[in-house]
Amino acid sequence: MSLRLHNFAGMRPHLPASMLASGMHQEGDGHALHQPVLVLNASYEPINVCAARRAIVLVLKGVAMTEEENGHFLHAARVAVRVPSVIRLLEYRRIPHQSRALSRKNILLRDRNTCQYCSTALPSGELTLDHVIPRSRGGLSTWENLVACCHLCNRRKGNQLPHEANMKPAREPRSFNLHTSRHIMRLMGHSDDKWRKYLFY
């Protein structure tokens, strides 16, 4: 997949020297734009993870700068843009206490793709969401009432309350907070050595 730099909102981006590669190179694989990139605040505090495509746009717009590269690059007409692994915002941003949307993906991320009743880690396709207090019993679809659950445990619990089924979640379900987000970033950082000096302190 090639990247045409002049297509970004009609801009003629100023590319930092660290993002230019001289000579002819083979393009990175098609997954390069979807690789996770660690986002740091201007204070070097880790605040988010985004896809490489979004990170490149932020750098080209002058909103962020590349701190680490992941070894891939993307060809443009006259330059090769190195794909970042870590970027840092150039202006400090205040981060809201709760900024993640309630979704199946984020519930599974919070619960580390692990059934909260039998503690089995499974691929996301083999997990569902369980209402700790069933909807038929007045339970709501909230961070505090939804947990990752395997299909077997979901059928076993059925319409029962936790104490009726003798099935209590391994951890009390809570909304994302700074501690939760940092922990998830640390887990993701195990696969990229370049993240570690920003996450493990």
N, C-alpha and C. Protein backbone atom coordinates (compact mmCIF):
# COMPACT_ATOMS: atom_id res chain seq x y z
N MET A 1 0.86 -1.19 0.00
CA MET A 1 0.00 0.00 0.00
C MET A 1 0.89 1.24 0.00
N SER A 2 0.69 2.09 -1.01
CA SER A 2 1.52 3.28 -1.07
C SER A 2 0.82 4.44 -0.40
N LEU A 3 1.60 5.42 0.01
CA LEU A 3 1.06 6.57 0.72
C LEU A 3 1.37 7.81 -0.09
N ARG A 4 0.36 8.51 -0.54
CA ARG A 4 0.56 9.73 -1.31
C ARG A 4 0.48 10.91 -0.35
N LEU A 5 1.60 11.50 -0.07
CA LEU A 5 1.65 12.52 0.98
C LEU A 5 0.83 13.75 0.62
N HIS A 6 0.72 14.05 -0.68
CA HIS A 6 0.00 15.27 -1.05
C HIS A 6 -1.51 15.12 -0.91
N ASN A 7 -2.00 13.94 -0.55
CA ASN A 7 -3.43 13.74 -0.40
C ASN A 7 -3.95 14.12 0.98
N PHE A 8 -3.08 14.42 1.93
CA PHE A 8 -3.53 14.75 3.28
C PHE A 8 -4.08 16.17 3.31
N ALA A 9 -5.40 16.27 3.10
CA ALA A 9 -6.11 17.55 3.21
C ALA A 9 -5.46 18.64 2.36
N GLY A 10 -4.86 18.23 1.23
CA GLY A 10 -4.27 19.21 0.34
C GLY A 10 -3.02 19.86 0.86
N MET A 11 -2.44 19.31 1.92
CA MET A 11 -1.27 19.94 2.52
C MET A 11 -0.03 19.62 1.72
N ARG A 12 0.96 20.47 1.85
CA ARG A 12 2.31 20.14 1.40
C ARG A 12 3.12 20.02 2.67
N PRO A 13 3.16 18.82 3.26
CA PRO A 13 3.75 18.66 4.58
C PRO A 13 5.25 18.87 4.60
N HIS A 14 5.69 19.49 5.67
CA HIS A 14 7.13 19.61 5.91
C HIS A 14 7.56 18.36 6.66
N LEU A 15 8.43 17.57 6.06
CA LEU A 15 8.85 16.31 6.66
C LEU A 15 10.13 16.48 7.44
N PRO A 16 10.14 16.07 8.71
CA PRO A 16 11.37 16.10 9.49
C PRO A 16 12.42 15.20 8.86
N ALA A 17 13.68 15.56 9.03
CA ALA A 17 14.77 14.78 8.45
C ALA A 17 14.74 13.34 8.90
N SER A 18 14.27 13.09 10.15
CA SER A 18 14.25 11.74 10.69
C SER A 18 13.28 10.84 9.95
N MET A 19 12.36 11.44 9.15
CA MET A 19 11.36 10.64 8.45
C MET A 19 11.73 10.39 7.00
N LEU A 20 12.87 10.90 6.54
CA LEU A 20 13.24 10.73 5.15
C LEU A 20 14.23 9.60 5.00
N ALA A 21 14.07 8.82 3.98
CA ALA A 21 15.02 7.76 3.68
C ALA A 21 15.55 7.98 2.28
N SER A 22 16.84 7.98 2.11
CA SER A 22 17.44 8.23 0.81
C SER A 22 17.47 6.95 0.00
N GLY A 23 17.49 7.11 -1.33
CA GLY A 23 17.60 5.96 -2.20
C GLY A 23 16.28 5.25 -2.41
N MET A 24 16.34 4.16 -3.17
CA MET A 24 15.14 3.38 -3.46
C MET A 24 15.03 2.24 -2.47
N HIS A 25 13.84 2.03 -1.96
CA HIS A 25 13.60 0.96 -0.98
C HIS A 25 12.34 0.22 -1.35
N GLN A 26 12.24 -0.99 -0.87
CA GLN A 26 11.02 -1.76 -1.05
C GLN A 26 10.01 -1.31 -0.01
N GLU A 27 8.76 -1.21 -0.40
CA GLU A 27 7.73 -0.78 0.53
C GLU A 27 7.50 -1.83 1.60
N GLY A 28 7.10 -1.37 2.79
CA GLY A 28 6.77 -2.29 3.87
C GLY A 28 5.53 -3.09 3.53
N ASP A 29 5.22 -4.10 4.31
CA ASP A 29 4.06 -4.94 4.01
C ASP A 29 2.76 -4.16 4.24
N GLY A 30 1.66 -4.77 3.80
CA GLY A 30 0.37 -4.08 3.85
C GLY A 30 -0.14 -3.83 5.25
N HIS A 31 0.46 -4.47 6.25
CA HIS A 31 0.00 -4.29 7.63
C HIS A 31 0.68 -3.11 8.31
N ALA A 32 1.64 -2.49 7.64
CA ALA A 32 2.43 -1.44 8.29
C ALA A 32 1.56 -0.29 8.81
N LEU A 33 0.53 0.07 8.06
CA LEU A 33 -0.31 1.21 8.46
C LEU A 33 -1.24 0.87 9.62
N HIS A 34 -1.36 -0.41 9.95
CA HIS A 34 -2.26 -0.81 11.02
C HIS A 34 -1.51 -1.17 12.30
N GLN A 35 -0.20 -1.06 12.29
CA GLN A 35 0.59 -1.38 13.48
C GLN A 35 0.28 -0.39 14.60
N PRO A 36 0.26 -0.85 15.86
CA PRO A 36 0.00 0.08 16.97
C PRO A 36 1.17 1.03 17.21
N VAL A 37 0.84 2.25 17.51
CA VAL A 37 1.84 3.29 17.80
C VAL A 37 1.51 3.89 19.16
N LEU A 38 2.50 3.99 20.01
CA LEU A 38 2.33 4.59 21.34
C LEU A 38 2.32 6.10 21.20
N VAL A 39 1.33 6.75 21.80
CA VAL A 39 1.21 8.21 21.76
C VAL A 39 1.58 8.78 23.12
N LEU A 40 2.56 9.70 23.11
CA LEU A 40 2.99 10.36 24.34
C LEU A 40 2.47 11.78 24.35
N ASN A 41 2.17 12.29 25.53
CA ASN A 41 1.86 13.71 25.66
C ASN A 41 3.15 14.50 25.49
N ALA A 42 3.06 15.80 25.43
CA ALA A 42 4.27 16.61 25.29
C ALA A 42 5.21 16.41 26.46
N SER A 43 4.68 15.95 27.59
CA SER A 43 5.46 15.70 28.80
C SER A 43 6.09 14.30 28.80
N TYR A 44 5.96 13.57 27.70
CA TYR A 44 6.45 12.19 27.55
C TYR A 44 5.60 11.18 28.33
N GLU A 45 4.45 11.60 28.83
CA GLU A 45 3.55 10.70 29.53
C GLU A 45 2.76 9.89 28.49
N PRO A 46 2.75 8.55 28.57
CA PRO A 46 1.97 7.76 27.62
C PRO A 46 0.47 7.98 27.84
N ILE A 47 -0.24 8.29 26.76
CA ILE A 47 -1.66 8.61 26.92
C ILE A 47 -2.59 7.80 26.02
N ASN A 48 -2.04 7.15 25.00
CA ASN A 48 -2.94 6.43 24.09
C ASN A 48 -2.15 5.52 23.16
N VAL A 49 -2.88 4.71 22.42
CA VAL A 49 -2.32 3.90 21.35
C VAL A 49 -3.17 4.15 20.12
N CYS A 50 -2.55 4.38 18.98
CA CYS A 50 -3.31 4.59 17.74
C CYS A 50 -2.68 3.76 16.63
N ALA A 51 -3.34 3.69 15.49
CA ALA A 51 -2.80 2.98 14.34
C ALA A 51 -1.73 3.83 13.68
N ALA A 52 -0.79 3.17 13.00
CA ALA A 52 0.32 3.88 12.36
C ALA A 52 -0.19 4.92 11.36
N ARG A 53 -1.27 4.60 10.65
CA ARG A 53 -1.81 5.56 9.68
C ARG A 53 -2.16 6.88 10.36
N ARG A 54 -2.84 6.80 11.52
CA ARG A 54 -3.21 8.01 12.26
C ARG A 54 -1.97 8.73 12.77
N ALA A 55 -0.99 7.97 13.22
CA ALA A 55 0.24 8.57 13.74
C ALA A 55 0.96 9.36 12.65
N ILE A 56 1.02 8.80 11.44
CA ILE A 56 1.68 9.49 10.33
C ILE A 56 0.97 10.80 10.00
N VAL A 57 -0.36 10.77 10.01
CA VAL A 57 -1.13 11.99 9.75
C VAL A 57 -0.82 13.05 10.80
N LEU A 58 -0.75 12.66 12.07
CA LEU A 58 -0.46 13.62 13.14
C LEU A 58 0.93 14.23 12.96
N VAL A 59 1.89 13.42 12.54
CA VAL A 59 3.24 13.92 12.31
C VAL A 59 3.26 14.88 11.12
N LEU A 60 2.62 14.49 10.03
CA LEU A 60 2.61 15.33 8.83
C LEU A 60 1.88 16.65 9.04
N LYS A 61 0.90 16.63 9.93
CA LYS A 61 0.16 17.87 10.24
C LYS A 61 0.93 18.76 11.21
N GLY A 62 2.04 18.27 11.74
CA GLY A 62 2.81 19.06 12.69
C GLY A 62 2.26 19.04 14.09
N VAL A 63 1.35 18.08 14.36
CA VAL A 63 0.76 17.96 15.69
C VAL A 63 1.66 17.15 16.61
N ALA A 64 2.42 16.22 16.02
CA ALA A 64 3.29 15.34 16.80
C ALA A 64 4.61 15.15 16.08
N MET A 65 5.57 14.58 16.78
CA MET A 65 6.85 14.24 16.17
C MET A 65 7.18 12.78 16.48
N THR A 66 7.94 12.18 15.60
CA THR A 66 8.33 10.78 15.78
C THR A 66 9.45 10.68 16.81
N GLU A 67 9.25 9.82 17.80
CA GLU A 67 10.29 9.56 18.80
C GLU A 67 11.01 8.25 18.51
N GLU A 68 10.28 7.25 18.01
CA GLU A 68 10.85 5.95 17.67
C GLU A 68 10.22 5.48 16.36
N GLU A 69 10.99 4.70 15.59
CA GLU A 69 10.48 4.15 14.33
C GLU A 69 10.38 2.63 14.46
N ASN A 70 9.53 2.02 13.63
CA ASN A 70 9.34 0.57 13.75
C ASN A 70 10.07 -0.24 12.67
N GLY A 71 10.84 0.44 11.81
CA GLY A 71 11.61 -0.27 10.80
C GLY A 71 10.92 -0.37 9.45
N HIS A 72 9.61 -0.09 9.38
CA HIS A 72 8.90 -0.08 8.11
C HIS A 72 8.96 1.32 7.52
N PHE A 73 8.65 1.41 6.25
CA PHE A 73 8.55 2.72 5.62
C PHE A 73 7.55 2.63 4.49
N LEU A 74 7.06 3.79 4.07
CA LEU A 74 6.08 3.88 3.00
C LEU A 74 6.58 4.85 1.95
N HIS A 75 6.48 4.46 0.68
CA HIS A 75 6.94 5.33 -0.40
C HIS A 75 5.95 6.44 -0.68
N ALA A 76 6.48 7.61 -0.93
CA ALA A 76 5.72 8.70 -1.51
C ALA A 76 6.37 8.98 -2.87
N ALA A 77 5.97 10.07 -3.52
CA ALA A 77 6.50 10.34 -4.85
C ALA A 77 8.02 10.52 -4.85
N ARG A 78 8.55 11.23 -3.85
CA ARG A 78 9.98 11.54 -3.87
C ARG A 78 10.72 11.14 -2.61
N VAL A 79 9.98 10.71 -1.61
CA VAL A 79 10.61 10.34 -0.34
C VAL A 79 10.00 9.05 0.18
N ALA A 80 10.67 8.43 1.12
CA ALA A 80 10.11 7.28 1.83
C ALA A 80 9.88 7.72 3.27
N VAL A 81 8.65 7.58 3.72
CA VAL A 81 8.27 8.00 5.07
C VAL A 81 8.42 6.82 6.01
N ARG A 82 9.22 7.00 7.02
CA ARG A 82 9.41 5.94 8.01
C ARG A 82 8.18 5.86 8.92
N VAL A 83 7.75 4.64 9.21
CA VAL A 83 6.56 4.44 10.03
C VAL A 83 6.95 4.53 11.50
N PRO A 84 6.30 5.39 12.27
CA PRO A 84 6.68 5.54 13.68
C PRO A 84 6.21 4.38 14.54
N SER A 85 6.92 4.18 15.64
CA SER A 85 6.51 3.23 16.67
C SER A 85 6.03 3.99 17.90
N VAL A 86 6.64 5.18 18.13
CA VAL A 86 6.26 6.06 19.24
C VAL A 86 6.24 7.48 18.70
N ILE A 87 5.16 8.21 18.99
CA ILE A 87 5.10 9.64 18.64
C ILE A 87 4.83 10.45 19.90
N ARG A 88 5.20 11.73 19.84
CA ARG A 88 4.96 12.63 20.98
C ARG A 88 4.25 13.88 20.49
N LEU A 89 3.16 14.24 21.17
CA LEU A 89 2.44 15.46 20.83
C LEU A 89 3.32 16.67 21.12
N LEU A 90 3.25 17.69 20.28
CA LEU A 90 4.10 18.87 20.46
C LEU A 90 3.50 19.86 21.45
N GLU A 91 2.19 19.77 21.67
CA GLU A 91 1.54 20.62 22.67
C GLU A 91 0.88 19.73 23.71
N TYR A 92 0.98 20.13 24.96
CA TYR A 92 0.41 19.34 26.06
C TYR A 92 -1.10 19.31 25.96
N ARG A 93 -1.67 18.12 26.09
CA ARG A 93 -3.12 17.97 26.03
C ARG A 93 -3.63 17.45 27.38
N ARG A 94 -4.68 18.07 27.87
CA ARG A 94 -5.33 17.56 29.07
C ARG A 94 -6.21 16.40 28.67
N ILE A 95 -6.04 15.27 29.33
CA ILE A 95 -6.76 14.06 28.98
C ILE A 95 -7.96 13.88 29.91
N PRO A 96 -9.18 13.75 29.36
CA PRO A 96 -10.35 13.53 30.21
C PRO A 96 -10.21 12.26 31.03
N HIS A 97 -10.83 12.26 32.19
CA HIS A 97 -10.76 11.09 33.07
C HIS A 97 -11.27 9.84 32.36
N GLN A 98 -12.33 9.96 31.61
CA GLN A 98 -12.89 8.82 30.89
C GLN A 98 -13.06 9.20 29.43
N SER A 99 -12.26 8.63 28.56
CA SER A 99 -12.31 9.00 27.15
C SER A 99 -12.57 7.82 26.23
N ARG A 100 -12.72 6.61 26.78
CA ARG A 100 -12.96 5.45 25.93
C ARG A 100 -14.45 5.14 25.83
N ALA A 101 -14.88 4.84 24.62
CA ALA A 101 -16.29 4.51 24.39
C ALA A 101 -16.59 3.12 24.93
N LEU A 102 -17.80 2.96 25.42
CA LEU A 102 -18.26 1.65 25.86
C LEU A 102 -18.54 0.81 24.62
N SER A 103 -17.78 -0.26 24.42
CA SER A 103 -17.95 -1.12 23.25
C SER A 103 -17.47 -2.52 23.59
N ARG A 104 -17.87 -3.47 22.77
CA ARG A 104 -17.43 -4.85 22.97
C ARG A 104 -15.90 -4.93 22.92
N LYS A 105 -15.32 -4.27 21.94
CA LYS A 105 -13.86 -4.29 21.79
C LYS A 105 -13.16 -3.79 23.05
N ASN A 106 -13.66 -2.67 23.61
CA ASN A 106 -13.02 -2.10 24.79
C ASN A 106 -13.26 -2.92 26.05
N ILE A 107 -14.41 -3.58 26.15
CA ILE A 107 -14.65 -4.47 27.29
C ILE A 107 -13.67 -5.63 27.24
N LEU A 108 -13.50 -6.24 26.05
CA LEU A 108 -12.56 -7.35 25.91
C LEU A 108 -11.13 -6.90 26.18
N LEU A 109 -10.81 -5.68 25.74
CA LEU A 109 -9.47 -5.14 26.00
C LEU A 109 -9.25 -4.95 27.49
N ARG A 110 -10.23 -4.37 28.17
CA ARG A 110 -10.12 -4.18 29.62
C ARG A 110 -9.94 -5.51 30.34
N ASP A 111 -10.70 -6.54 29.90
CA ASP A 111 -10.66 -7.84 30.57
C ASP A 111 -9.60 -8.77 29.98
N ARG A 112 -8.74 -8.22 29.10
CA ARG A 112 -7.61 -8.95 28.53
C ARG A 112 -8.03 -10.24 27.83
N ASN A 113 -9.17 -10.19 27.14
CA ASN A 113 -9.68 -11.35 26.39
C ASN A 113 -9.77 -12.59 27.27
N THR A 114 -10.13 -12.39 28.52
CA THR A 114 -10.21 -13.50 29.48
C THR A 114 -11.61 -13.58 30.07
N CYS A 115 -12.21 -14.77 30.02
CA CYS A 115 -13.52 -14.97 30.63
C CYS A 115 -13.42 -14.65 32.12
N GLN A 116 -14.29 -13.80 32.59
CA GLN A 116 -14.22 -13.36 33.98
C GLN A 116 -14.81 -14.37 34.96
N TYR A 117 -15.33 -15.47 34.44
CA TYR A 117 -15.89 -16.51 35.32
C TYR A 117 -14.99 -17.73 35.44
N CYS A 118 -14.37 -18.16 34.34
CA CYS A 118 -13.50 -19.35 34.39
C CYS A 118 -12.03 -19.01 34.16
N SER A 119 -11.74 -17.72 33.91
CA SER A 119 -10.36 -17.23 33.74
C SER A 119 -9.63 -17.84 32.54
N THR A 120 -10.38 -18.25 31.53
CA THR A 120 -9.78 -18.78 30.31
C THR A 120 -9.56 -17.66 29.31
N ALA A 121 -8.33 -17.50 28.81
CA ALA A 121 -8.02 -16.51 27.78
C ALA A 121 -8.34 -17.10 26.42
N LEU A 122 -9.10 -16.35 25.62
CA LEU A 122 -9.55 -16.84 24.32
C LEU A 122 -9.45 -15.75 23.27
N PRO A 123 -9.40 -16.12 21.98
CA PRO A 123 -9.49 -15.10 20.92
C PRO A 123 -10.82 -14.36 21.03
N SER A 124 -10.84 -13.13 20.58
CA SER A 124 -12.05 -12.31 20.75
C SER A 124 -13.27 -12.94 20.10
N GLY A 125 -13.08 -13.69 19.00
CA GLY A 125 -14.21 -14.32 18.33
C GLY A 125 -14.86 -15.43 19.14
N GLU A 126 -14.15 -15.92 20.16
CA GLU A 126 -14.69 -16.99 21.00
C GLU A 126 -15.20 -16.47 22.34
N LEU A 127 -15.33 -15.16 22.44
CA LEU A 127 -15.84 -14.54 23.66
C LEU A 127 -17.11 -13.76 23.37
N THR A 128 -17.92 -13.61 24.38
CA THR A 128 -19.11 -12.77 24.29
C THR A 128 -19.09 -11.84 25.49
N LEU A 129 -20.10 -11.00 25.62
CA LEU A 129 -20.23 -10.14 26.79
C LEU A 129 -21.37 -10.65 27.66
N ASP A 130 -21.17 -10.63 28.95
CA ASP A 130 -22.21 -11.04 29.89
C ASP A 130 -22.62 -9.86 30.76
N HIS A 131 -23.91 -9.71 30.93
CA HIS A 131 -24.43 -8.74 31.90
C HIS A 131 -24.37 -9.41 33.28
N VAL A 132 -23.53 -8.90 34.17
CA VAL A 132 -23.40 -9.50 35.50
C VAL A 132 -24.77 -9.59 36.16
N ILE A 133 -25.49 -8.49 36.17
CA ILE A 133 -26.91 -8.51 36.54
C ILE A 133 -27.67 -8.54 35.23
N PRO A 134 -28.36 -9.65 34.93
CA PRO A 134 -29.02 -9.78 33.63
C PRO A 134 -29.97 -8.63 33.33
N ARG A 135 -30.09 -8.32 32.05
CA ARG A 135 -30.99 -7.24 31.66
C ARG A 135 -32.43 -7.52 32.09
N SER A 136 -32.81 -8.81 32.08
CA SER A 136 -34.17 -9.16 32.49
C SER A 136 -34.40 -8.94 33.98
N ARG A 137 -33.28 -8.74 34.72
CA ARG A 137 -33.37 -8.50 36.17
C ARG A 137 -33.05 -7.04 36.49
N GLY A 138 -33.05 -6.20 35.47
CA GLY A 138 -32.82 -4.77 35.67
C GLY A 138 -31.39 -4.32 35.42
N GLY A 139 -30.52 -5.21 34.95
CA GLY A 139 -29.13 -4.84 34.70
C GLY A 139 -28.98 -3.93 33.48
N LEU A 140 -28.04 -3.01 33.55
CA LEU A 140 -27.81 -2.05 32.48
C LEU A 140 -26.56 -2.41 31.69
N SER A 141 -26.47 -1.88 30.48
CA SER A 141 -25.26 -2.07 29.66
C SER A 141 -24.27 -0.96 30.00
N THR A 142 -23.50 -1.18 31.06
CA THR A 142 -22.53 -0.20 31.54
C THR A 142 -21.19 -0.88 31.77
N TRP A 143 -20.14 -0.07 31.92
CA TRP A 143 -18.82 -0.60 32.23
C TRP A 143 -18.86 -1.51 33.47
N GLU A 144 -19.67 -1.10 34.46
CA GLU A 144 -19.70 -1.80 35.74
C GLU A 144 -20.57 -3.06 35.73
N ASN A 145 -21.27 -3.31 34.60
CA ASN A 145 -22.16 -4.48 34.56
C ASN A 145 -21.88 -5.40 33.38
N LEU A 146 -20.85 -5.12 32.59
CA LEU A 146 -20.50 -5.96 31.45
C LEU A 146 -19.11 -6.56 31.66
N VAL A 147 -18.99 -7.85 31.37
CA VAL A 147 -17.68 -8.52 31.47
C VAL A 147 -17.50 -9.45 30.28
N ALA A 148 -16.23 -9.73 29.96
CA ALA A 148 -15.92 -10.74 28.95
C ALA A 148 -16.30 -12.11 29.49
N CYS A 149 -16.84 -12.94 28.62
CA CYS A 149 -17.35 -14.24 29.07
C CYS A 149 -17.27 -15.24 27.92
N CYS A 150 -16.84 -16.46 28.23
CA CYS A 150 -16.85 -17.51 27.20
C CYS A 150 -18.29 -18.00 27.02
N HIS A 151 -18.54 -18.65 25.90
CA HIS A 151 -19.91 -19.08 25.60
C HIS A 151 -20.41 -20.13 26.60
N LEU A 152 -19.52 -21.00 27.04
CA LEU A 152 -19.92 -22.04 28.00
C LEU A 152 -20.40 -21.42 29.31
N CYS A 153 -19.61 -20.46 29.84
CA CYS A 153 -20.01 -19.80 31.10
C CYS A 153 -21.26 -18.95 30.91
N ASN A 154 -21.39 -18.36 29.72
CA ASN A 154 -22.56 -17.54 29.44
C ASN A 154 -23.83 -18.38 29.48
N ARG A 155 -23.77 -19.59 28.91
CA ARG A 155 -24.94 -20.48 28.95
C ARG A 155 -25.19 -20.98 30.37
N ARG A 156 -24.11 -21.28 31.09
CA ARG A 156 -24.24 -21.79 32.45
C ARG A 156 -24.87 -20.76 33.38
N LYS A 157 -24.46 -19.51 33.25
CA LYS A 157 -24.99 -18.46 34.13
C LYS A 157 -26.42 -18.09 33.74
N GLY A 158 -26.67 -18.06 32.43
CA GLY A 158 -28.02 -17.78 31.96
C GLY A 158 -28.59 -16.49 32.52
N ASN A 159 -29.78 -16.59 33.09
CA ASN A 159 -30.52 -15.43 33.58
C ASN A 159 -30.35 -15.22 35.08
N GLN A 160 -29.35 -15.86 35.65
CA GLN A 160 -29.20 -15.82 37.10
C GLN A 160 -28.32 -14.66 37.55
N LEU A 161 -28.53 -14.26 38.79
CA LEU A 161 -27.63 -13.30 39.44
C LEU A 161 -26.36 -14.05 39.84
N PRO A 162 -25.25 -13.35 40.02
CA PRO A 162 -23.98 -14.02 40.35
C PRO A 162 -24.08 -14.97 41.54
N HIS A 163 -24.76 -14.56 42.62
CA HIS A 163 -24.83 -15.42 43.80
C HIS A 163 -25.74 -16.62 43.57
N GLU A 164 -26.72 -16.48 42.69
CA GLU A 164 -27.60 -17.59 42.38
C GLU A 164 -26.88 -18.67 41.58
N ALA A 165 -25.99 -18.25 40.69
CA ALA A 165 -25.24 -19.20 39.86
C ALA A 165 -23.92 -19.59 40.50
N ASN A 166 -23.60 -18.96 41.65
CA ASN A 166 -22.30 -19.16 42.29
C ASN A 166 -21.17 -18.84 41.30
N MET A 167 -21.37 -17.76 40.55
CA MET A 167 -20.40 -17.33 39.54
C MET A 167 -20.15 -15.83 39.73
N LYS A 168 -19.05 -15.52 40.38
CA LYS A 168 -18.69 -14.13 40.62
C LYS A 168 -17.54 -13.76 39.68
N PRO A 169 -17.59 -12.58 39.05
CA PRO A 169 -16.49 -12.17 38.18
C PRO A 169 -15.16 -12.15 38.93
N ALA A 170 -14.09 -12.55 38.24
CA ALA A 170 -12.77 -12.60 38.86
C ALA A 170 -12.33 -11.24 39.37
N ARG A 171 -12.71 -10.20 38.62
CA ARG A 171 -12.40 -8.83 39.04
C ARG A 171 -13.64 -7.99 38.94
N GLU A 172 -13.79 -7.07 39.84
CA GLU A 172 -14.94 -6.17 39.79
C GLU A 172 -14.87 -5.33 38.54
N PRO A 173 -15.88 -5.39 37.67
CA PRO A 173 -15.82 -4.61 36.42
C PRO A 173 -15.90 -3.11 36.70
N ARG A 174 -15.00 -2.39 36.09
CA ARG A 174 -14.95 -0.94 36.27
C ARG A 174 -14.71 -0.26 34.94
N SER A 175 -14.98 1.03 34.89
CA SER A 175 -14.72 1.79 33.67
C SER A 175 -13.23 2.01 33.52
N PHE A 176 -12.82 2.36 32.31
CA PHE A 176 -11.42 2.66 32.06
C PHE A 176 -11.00 3.86 32.89
N ASN A 177 -9.85 3.76 33.51
CA ASN A 177 -9.26 4.92 34.17
C ASN A 177 -7.79 4.97 33.77
N LEU A 178 -7.06 5.92 34.28
CA LEU A 178 -5.66 6.08 33.89
C LEU A 178 -4.86 4.83 34.21
N HIS A 179 -5.12 4.22 35.37
CA HIS A 179 -4.38 3.02 35.75
C HIS A 179 -4.66 1.88 34.77
N THR A 180 -5.93 1.69 34.40
CA THR A 180 -6.30 0.63 33.46
C THR A 180 -5.64 0.84 32.11
N SER A 181 -5.71 2.06 31.60
CA SER A 181 -5.12 2.36 30.30
C SER A 181 -3.61 2.14 30.31
N ARG A 182 -2.95 2.59 31.37
CA ARG A 182 -1.50 2.39 31.46
C ARG A 182 -1.16 0.90 31.48
N HIS A 183 -1.95 0.13 32.22
CA HIS A 183 -1.67 -1.31 32.31
C HIS A 183 -1.81 -1.96 30.94
N ILE A 184 -2.84 -1.59 30.19
CA ILE A 184 -3.03 -2.15 28.86
C ILE A 184 -1.89 -1.75 27.93
N MET A 185 -1.44 -0.51 28.03
CA MET A 185 -0.31 -0.07 27.21
C MET A 185 0.95 -0.85 27.55
N ARG A 186 1.13 -1.16 28.82
CA ARG A 186 2.29 -1.96 29.22
C ARG A 186 2.22 -3.36 28.63
N LEU A 187 1.02 -3.95 28.65
CA LEU A 187 0.85 -5.28 28.07
C LEU A 187 1.18 -5.27 26.58
N MET A 188 0.70 -4.25 25.88
CA MET A 188 0.98 -4.13 24.45
C MET A 188 2.46 -3.85 24.21
N GLY A 189 3.08 -3.14 25.14
CA GLY A 189 4.48 -2.77 25.00
C GLY A 189 5.44 -3.94 25.06
N HIS A 190 4.98 -5.09 25.57
CA HIS A 190 5.85 -6.26 25.63
C HIS A 190 6.27 -6.71 24.24
N SER A 191 5.49 -6.37 23.21
CA SER A 191 5.82 -6.80 21.85
C SER A 191 6.68 -5.79 21.11
N ASP A 192 6.98 -4.66 21.71
CA ASP A 192 7.79 -3.64 21.05
C ASP A 192 8.79 -3.07 22.05
N ASP A 193 10.04 -3.42 21.91
CA ASP A 193 11.08 -2.96 22.84
C ASP A 193 11.19 -1.44 22.90
N LYS A 194 10.84 -0.77 21.80
CA LYS A 194 10.97 0.69 21.75
C LYS A 194 9.99 1.39 22.68
N TRP A 195 8.93 0.70 23.07
CA TRP A 195 7.94 1.31 23.97
C TRP A 195 8.40 1.28 25.41
N ARG A 196 9.26 0.36 25.75
CA ARG A 196 9.50 0.03 27.15
C ARG A 196 10.03 1.20 27.98
N LYS A 197 10.91 1.99 27.43
CA LYS A 197 11.48 3.07 28.23
C LYS A 197 10.45 4.16 28.54
N TYR A 198 9.33 4.14 27.81
CA TYR A 198 8.27 5.14 28.08
C TYR A 198 7.19 4.58 28.99
N LEU A 199 7.13 3.24 29.13
CA LEU A 199 6.05 2.61 29.89
C LEU A 199 6.50 1.99 31.20
N PHE A 200 7.73 1.49 31.24
CA PHE A 200 8.16 0.77 32.43
C PHE A 200 9.08 1.66 33.27
N TYR A 201 8.49 2.25 34.26
CA TYR A 201 9.24 3.16 35.12
C TYR A 201 8.72 3.07 36.53
